[in-house]
PDB file of N, CA and C in Angstrom:
ATOM      1  N   MET A   1       9.703   6.794 -34.981  1.00  0.00           N
ATOM      2  CA  MET A   1       9.966   5.653 -34.137  1.00  0.00           C
ATOM      3  C   MET A   1       9.406   5.900 -32.742  1.00  0.00           C
ATOM      4  N   SER A   2       8.774   4.908 -32.206  1.00  0.00           N
ATOM      5  CA  SER A   2       8.291   5.039 -30.828  1.00  0.00           C
ATOM      6  C   SER A   2       9.171   4.190 -29.918  1.00  0.00           C
ATOM      7  N   LYS A   3       9.478   4.785 -28.811  1.00  0.00           N
ATOM      8  CA  LYS A   3      10.288   4.075 -27.825  1.00  0.00           C
ATOM      9  C   LYS A   3       9.368   3.649 -26.685  1.00  0.00           C
ATOM     10  N   GLU A   4       9.190   2.358 -26.547  1.00  0.00           N
ATOM     11  CA  GLU A   4       8.353   1.847 -25.483  1.00  0.00           C
ATOM     12  C   GLU A   4       9.233   1.354 -24.350  1.00  0.00           C
ATOM     13  N   LYS A   5       8.822   1.725 -23.148  1.00  0.00           N
ATOM     14  CA  LYS A   5       9.537   1.256 -21.968  1.00  0.00           C
ATOM     15  C   LYS A   5       8.619   0.304 -21.219  1.00  0.00           C
ATOM     16  N   ASN A   6       9.059  -0.915 -21.102  1.00  0.00           N
ATOM     17  CA  ASN A   6       8.303  -1.908 -20.364  1.00  0.00           C
ATOM     18  C   ASN A   6       8.990  -2.175 -19.036  1.00  0.00           C
ATOM     19  N   SER A   7       8.269  -1.946 -17.966  1.00  0.00           N
ATOM     20  CA  SER A   7       8.824  -2.199 -16.643  1.00  0.00           C
ATOM     21  C   SER A   7       8.436  -3.604 -16.210  1.00  0.00           C
ATOM     22  N   THR A   8       9.423  -4.410 -15.944  1.00  0.00           N
ATOM     23  CA  THR A   8       9.155  -5.771 -15.500  1.00  0.00           C
ATOM     24  C   THR A   8       9.706  -6.016 -14.105  1.00  0.00           C
ATOM     25  N   GLY A   9      10.080  -4.938 -13.414  1.00  0.00           N
ATOM     26  CA  GLY A   9      10.653  -5.074 -12.087  1.00  0.00           C
ATOM     27  C   GLY A   9       9.603  -5.366 -11.019  1.00  0.00           C
ATOM     28  N   VAL A  10      10.085  -5.683  -9.853  1.00  0.00           N
ATOM     29  CA  VAL A  10       9.221  -6.017  -8.734  1.00  0.00           C
ATOM     30  C   VAL A  10       8.553  -4.765  -8.183  1.00  0.00           C
ATOM     31  N   GLY A  11       9.248  -3.669  -8.151  1.00  0.00           N
ATOM     32  CA  GLY A  11       8.698  -2.437  -7.618  1.00  0.00           C
ATOM     33  C   GLY A  11       9.035  -2.273  -6.149  1.00  0.00           C
ATOM     34  N   LEU A  12       8.755  -1.085  -5.637  1.00  0.00           N
ATOM     35  CA  LEU A  12       9.108  -0.767  -4.259  1.00  0.00           C
ATOM     36  C   LEU A  12       8.324  -1.612  -3.256  1.00  0.00           C
ATOM     37  N   LEU A  13       7.015  -1.660  -3.400  1.00  0.00           N
ATOM     38  CA  LEU A  13       6.202  -2.411  -2.438  1.00  0.00           C
ATOM     39  C   LEU A  13       6.428  -3.912  -2.552  1.00  0.00           C
ATOM     40  N   GLY A  14       6.630  -4.403  -3.759  1.00  0.00           N
ATOM     41  CA  GLY A  14       6.936  -5.823  -3.942  1.00  0.00           C
ATOM     42  C   GLY A  14       8.270  -6.194  -3.315  1.00  0.00           C
ATOM     43  N   GLY A  15       9.248  -5.317  -3.480  1.00  0.00           N
ATOM     44  CA  GLY A  15      10.550  -5.552  -2.869  1.00  0.00           C
ATOM     45  C   GLY A  15      10.478  -5.524  -1.351  1.00  0.00           C
ATOM     46  N   LEU A  16       9.701  -4.575  -0.829  1.00  0.00           N
ATOM     47  CA  LEU A  16       9.528  -4.490   0.614  1.00  0.00           C
ATOM     48  C   LEU A  16       8.850  -5.739   1.149  1.00  0.00           C
ATOM     49  N   LEU A  17       7.845  -6.236   0.429  1.00  0.00           N
ATOM     50  CA  LEU A  17       7.168  -7.470   0.821  1.00  0.00           C
ATOM     51  C   LEU A  17       8.141  -8.642   0.840  1.00  0.00           C
ATOM     52  N   LEU A  18       8.976  -8.737  -0.172  1.00  0.00           N
ATOM     53  CA  LEU A  18       9.950  -9.831  -0.220  1.00  0.00           C
ATOM     54  C   LEU A  18      10.938  -9.759   0.936  1.00  0.00           C
ATOM     55  N   VAL A  19      11.384  -8.552   1.267  1.00  0.00           N
ATOM     56  CA  VAL A  19      12.308  -8.390   2.400  1.00  0.00           C
ATOM     57  C   VAL A  19      11.622  -8.803   3.699  1.00  0.00           C
ATOM     58  N   PHE A  20      10.379  -8.334   3.912  1.00  0.00           N
ATOM     59  CA  PHE A  20       9.651  -8.694   5.127  1.00  0.00           C
ATOM     60  C   PHE A  20       9.436 -10.205   5.217  1.00  0.00           C
ATOM     61  N   LEU A  21       9.069 -10.831   4.103  1.00  0.00           N
ATOM     62  CA  LEU A  21       8.868 -12.285   4.107  1.00  0.00           C
ATOM     63  C   LEU A  21      10.154 -13.024   4.437  1.00  0.00           C
ATOM     64  N   PHE A  22      11.242 -12.598   3.829  1.00  0.00           N
ATOM     65  CA  PHE A  22      12.539 -13.222   4.100  1.00  0.00           C
ATOM     66  C   PHE A  22      12.898 -13.103   5.584  1.00  0.00           C
ATOM     67  N   LEU A  23      12.722 -11.907   6.151  1.00  0.00           N
ATOM     68  CA  LEU A  23      13.070 -11.701   7.555  1.00  0.00           C
ATOM     69  C   LEU A  23      12.142 -12.476   8.491  1.00  0.00           C
ATOM     70  N   LYS A  24      10.854 -12.539   8.164  1.00  0.00           N
ATOM     71  CA  LYS A  24       9.897 -13.261   9.005  1.00  0.00           C
ATOM     72  C   LYS A  24      10.147 -14.763   8.960  1.00  0.00           C
ATOM     73  N   LEU A  25      10.267 -15.304   7.762  1.00  0.00           N
ATOM     74  CA  LEU A  25      10.455 -16.750   7.633  1.00  0.00           C
ATOM     75  C   LEU A  25      11.830 -17.207   8.116  1.00  0.00           C
ATOM     76  N   GLY A  26      12.828 -16.334   7.993  1.00  0.00           N
ATOM     77  CA  GLY A  26      14.165 -16.668   8.467  1.00  0.00           C
ATOM     78  C   GLY A  26      14.380 -16.378   9.934  1.00  0.00           C
ATOM     79  N   GLN A  27      13.349 -15.804  10.582  1.00  0.00           N
ATOM     80  CA  GLN A  27      13.422 -15.461  12.008  1.00  0.00           C
ATOM     81  C   GLN A  27      14.591 -14.518  12.299  1.00  0.00           C
ATOM     82  N   PHE A  28      14.744 -13.478  11.441  1.00  0.00           N
ATOM     83  CA  PHE A  28      15.801 -12.495  11.611  1.00  0.00           C
ATOM     84  C   PHE A  28      15.237 -11.194  12.154  1.00  0.00           C
ATOM     85  N   GLY A  29      15.935 -10.608  13.109  1.00  0.00           N
ATOM     86  CA  GLY A  29      15.601  -9.276  13.596  1.00  0.00           C
ATOM     87  C   GLY A  29      14.228  -9.168  14.229  1.00  0.00           C
ATOM     88  N   VAL A  30      13.754  -7.925  14.330  1.00  0.00           N
ATOM     89  CA  VAL A  30      12.477  -7.662  14.983  1.00  0.00           C
ATOM     90  C   VAL A  30      11.297  -8.108  14.124  1.00  0.00           C
ATOM     91  N   VAL A  31      11.504  -8.247  12.828  1.00  0.00           N
ATOM     92  CA  VAL A  31      10.422  -8.658  11.942  1.00  0.00           C
ATOM     93  C   VAL A  31       9.948 -10.066  12.285  1.00  0.00           C
ATOM     94  N   ALA A  32      10.810 -10.880  12.846  1.00  0.00           N
ATOM     95  CA  ALA A  32      10.438 -12.246  13.225  1.00  0.00           C
ATOM     96  C   ALA A  32       9.301 -12.254  14.234  1.00  0.00           C
ATOM     97  N   ASN A  33       9.173 -11.200  15.022  1.00  0.00           N
ATOM     98  CA  ASN A  33       8.125 -11.122  16.043  1.00  0.00           C
ATOM     99  C   ASN A  33       6.875 -10.394  15.566  1.00  0.00           C
ATOM    100  N   TRP A  34       6.889  -9.881  14.357  1.00  0.00           N
ATOM    101  CA  TRP A  34       5.743  -9.153  13.829  1.00  0.00           C
ATOM    102  C   TRP A  34       4.598 -10.106  13.534  1.00  0.00           C
ATOM    103  N   SER A  35       3.393  -9.581  13.596  1.00  0.00           N
ATOM    104  CA  SER A  35       2.216 -10.307  13.153  1.00  0.00           C
ATOM    105  C   SER A  35       2.263 -10.410  11.627  1.00  0.00           C
ATOM    106  N   TRP A  36       1.611 -11.442  11.089  1.00  0.00           N
ATOM    107  CA  TRP A  36       1.565 -11.593   9.646  1.00  0.00           C
ATOM    108  C   TRP A  36       0.841 -10.443   8.984  1.00  0.00           C
ATOM    109  N   TRP A  37      -0.069  -9.786   9.713  1.00  0.00           N
ATOM    110  CA  TRP A  37      -0.766  -8.612   9.165  1.00  0.00           C
ATOM    111  C   TRP A  37       0.242  -7.535   8.771  1.00  0.00           C
ATOM    112  N   TRP A  38       1.240  -7.321   9.606  1.00  0.00           N
ATOM    113  CA  TRP A  38       2.238  -6.285   9.323  1.00  0.00           C
ATOM    114  C   TRP A  38       3.237  -6.733   8.269  1.00  0.00           C
ATOM    115  N   VAL A  39       3.551  -8.019   8.243  1.00  0.00           N
ATOM    116  CA  VAL A  39       4.460  -8.527   7.212  1.00  0.00           C
ATOM    117  C   VAL A  39       3.829  -8.358   5.826  1.00  0.00           C
ATOM    118  N   LEU A  40       2.523  -8.582   5.750  1.00  0.00           N
ATOM    119  CA  LEU A  40       1.811  -8.473   4.471  1.00  0.00           C
ATOM    120  C   LEU A  40       1.249  -7.078   4.212  1.00  0.00           C
ATOM    121  N   ALA A  41       1.594  -6.113   5.048  1.00  0.00           N
ATOM    122  CA  ALA A  41       1.096  -4.742   4.893  1.00  0.00           C
ATOM    123  C   ALA A  41       1.404  -4.118   3.529  1.00  0.00           C
ATOM    124  N   PRO A  42       2.542  -4.394   2.890  1.00  0.00           N
ATOM    125  CA  PRO A  42       2.756  -3.812   1.561  1.00  0.00           C
ATOM    126  C   PRO A  42       1.712  -4.242   0.529  1.00  0.00           C
ATOM    127  N   VAL A  43       0.963  -5.311   0.808  1.00  0.00           N
ATOM    128  CA  VAL A  43      -0.084  -5.757  -0.112  1.00  0.00           C
ATOM    129  C   VAL A  43      -1.386  -5.002   0.150  1.00  0.00           C
ATOM    130  N   TRP A  44      -1.798  -4.915   1.419  1.00  0.00           N
ATOM    131  CA  TRP A  44      -3.121  -4.356   1.726  1.00  0.00           C
ATOM    132  C   TRP A  44      -3.106  -2.880   2.090  1.00  0.00           C
ATOM    133  N   ALA A  45      -2.026  -2.364   2.601  1.00  0.00           N
ATOM    134  CA  ALA A  45      -1.995  -0.975   3.068  1.00  0.00           C
ATOM    135  C   ALA A  45      -2.268   0.057   1.959  1.00  0.00           C
ATOM    136  N   PRO A  46      -1.710  -0.087   0.760  1.00  0.00           N
ATOM    137  CA  PRO A  46      -2.033   0.905  -0.284  1.00  0.00           C
ATOM    138  C   PRO A  46      -3.517   0.954  -0.608  1.00  0.00           C
ATOM    139  N   TRP A  47      -4.191  -0.185  -0.578  1.00  0.00           N
ATOM    140  CA  TRP A  47      -5.633  -0.220  -0.847  1.00  0.00           C
ATOM    141  C   TRP A  47      -6.409   0.476   0.257  1.00  0.00           C
ATOM    142  N   VAL A  48      -6.009   0.246   1.501  1.00  0.00           N
ATOM    143  CA  VAL A  48      -6.683   0.897   2.628  1.00  0.00           C
ATOM    144  C   VAL A  48      -6.489   2.410   2.563  1.00  0.00           C
ATOM    145  N   ILE A  49      -5.284   2.842   2.242  1.00  0.00           N
ATOM    146  CA  ILE A  49      -5.002   4.276   2.134  1.00  0.00           C
ATOM    147  C   ILE A  49      -5.819   4.893   1.001  1.00  0.00           C
ATOM    148  N   ALA A  50      -5.871   4.216  -0.143  1.00  0.00           N
ATOM    149  CA  ALA A  50      -6.616   4.743  -1.284  1.00  0.00           C
ATOM    150  C   ALA A  50      -8.104   4.848  -0.980  1.00  0.00           C
ATOM    151  N   VAL A  51      -8.677   3.828  -0.372  1.00  0.00           N
ATOM    152  CA  VAL A  51     -10.105   3.850  -0.033  1.00  0.00           C
ATOM    153  C   VAL A  51     -10.392   4.930   1.002  1.00  0.00           C
ATOM    154  N   THR A  52      -9.498   5.101   1.968  1.00  0.00           N
ATOM    155  CA  THR A  52      -9.669   6.137   2.985  1.00  0.00           C
ATOM    156  C   THR A  52      -9.635   7.534   2.361  1.00  0.00           C
ATOM    157  N   VAL A  53      -8.670   7.778   1.491  1.00  0.00           N
ATOM    158  CA  VAL A  53      -8.571   9.084   0.831  1.00  0.00           C
ATOM    159  C   VAL A  53      -9.800   9.344  -0.032  1.00  0.00           C
ATOM    160  N   LEU A  54     -10.250   8.337  -0.770  1.00  0.00           N
ATOM    161  CA  LEU A  54     -11.445   8.508  -1.591  1.00  0.00           C
ATOM    162  C   LEU A  54     -12.685   8.767  -0.733  1.00  0.00           C
ATOM    163  N   GLY A  55     -12.785   8.076   0.389  1.00  0.00           N
ATOM    164  CA  GLY A  55     -13.915   8.277   1.291  1.00  0.00           C
ATOM    165  C   GLY A  55     -13.928   9.668   1.892  1.00  0.00           C
ATOM    166  N   ILE A  56     -12.770  10.134   2.333  1.00  0.00           N
ATOM    167  CA  ILE A  56     -12.683  11.482   2.909  1.00  0.00           C
ATOM    168  C   ILE A  56     -12.980  12.529   1.841  1.00  0.00           C
ATOM    169  N   THR A  57     -12.479  12.321   0.627  1.00  0.00           N
ATOM    170  CA  THR A  57     -12.754  13.249  -0.470  1.00  0.00           C
ATOM    171  C   THR A  57     -14.244  13.309  -0.770  1.00  0.00           C
ATOM    172  N   ALA A  58     -14.893  12.157  -0.819  1.00  0.00           N
ATOM    173  CA  ALA A  58     -16.336  12.123  -1.085  1.00  0.00           C
ATOM    174  C   ALA A  58     -17.112  12.799   0.046  1.00  0.00           C
ATOM    175  N   LEU A  59     -16.695  12.588   1.281  1.00  0.00           N
ATOM    176  CA  LEU A  59     -17.356  13.201   2.432  1.00  0.00           C
ATOM    177  C   LEU A  59     -17.212  14.720   2.406  1.00  0.00           C
ATOM    178  N   VAL A  60     -16.021  15.217   2.149  1.00  0.00           N
ATOM    179  CA  VAL A  60     -15.787  16.662   2.074  1.00  0.00           C
ATOM    180  C   VAL A  60     -16.581  17.263   0.923  1.00  0.00           C
ATOM    181  N   ASN A  61     -16.628  16.573  -0.206  1.00  0.00           N
ATOM    182  CA  ASN A  61     -17.394  17.046  -1.358  1.00  0.00           C
ATOM    183  C   ASN A  61     -18.886  17.114  -1.021  1.00  0.00           C
ATOM    184  N   GLU A  62     -19.402  16.122  -0.335  1.00  0.00           N
ATOM    185  CA  GLU A  62     -20.811  16.104   0.052  1.00  0.00           C
ATOM    186  C   GLU A  62     -21.132  17.229   1.034  1.00  0.00           C
ATOM    187  N   ILE A  63     -20.241  17.469   1.984  1.00  0.00           N
ATOM    188  CA  ILE A  63     -20.445  18.556   2.945  1.00  0.00           C
ATOM    189  C   ILE A  63     -20.430  19.900   2.230  1.00  0.00           C
ATOM    190  N   ASN A  64     -19.493  20.084   1.307  1.00  0.00           N
ATOM    191  CA  ASN A  64     -19.430  21.337   0.545  1.00  0.00           C
ATOM    192  C   ASN A  64     -20.697  21.549  -0.285  1.00  0.00           C
ATOM    193  N   ASN A  65     -21.206  20.477  -0.879  1.00  0.00           N
ATOM    194  CA  ASN A  65     -22.428  20.587  -1.685  1.00  0.00           C
ATOM    195  C   ASN A  65     -23.614  20.996  -0.805  1.00  0.00           C
ATOM    196  N   LYS A  66     -23.706  20.443   0.396  1.00  0.00           N
ATOM    197  CA  LYS A  66     -24.831  20.785   1.290  1.00  0.00           C
ATOM    198  C   LYS A  66     -24.704  22.214   1.814  1.00  0.00           C
ATOM    199  N   LEU A  67     -23.494  22.692   2.067  1.00  0.00           N
ATOM    200  CA  LEU A  67     -23.296  24.042   2.565  1.00  0.00           C
ATOM    201  C   LEU A  67     -23.544  25.094   1.488  1.00  0.00           C
ATOM    202  N   ASN A  68     -23.328  24.733   0.231  1.00  0.00           N
ATOM    203  CA  ASN A  68     -23.474  25.695  -0.868  1.00  0.00           C
ATOM    204  C   ASN A  68     -24.871  25.744  -1.462  1.00  0.00           C
ATOM    205  N   ARG A  69     -25.818  25.025  -0.891  1.00  0.00           N
ATOM    206  CA  ARG A  69     -27.193  25.037  -1.430  1.00  0.00           C
ATOM    207  C   ARG A  69     -27.930  26.234  -1.002  1.00  0.00           C
TER     208      ARG A  69
END
């Protein structure tokens, strides 16, 4: 028998986005004064971090290849 686990939850970043949206649209707390860029950060920030890490990894790899020739 195989036991499959299907996750249908919102997840951490989705939940954080929902909280930020609720606070921004409801004009609650300091989030009401945030720019929309920061409210939507749970959507775009992981992509920016991933691309940055991949870019730095590729750069370090290229430097190592040139030094080892």
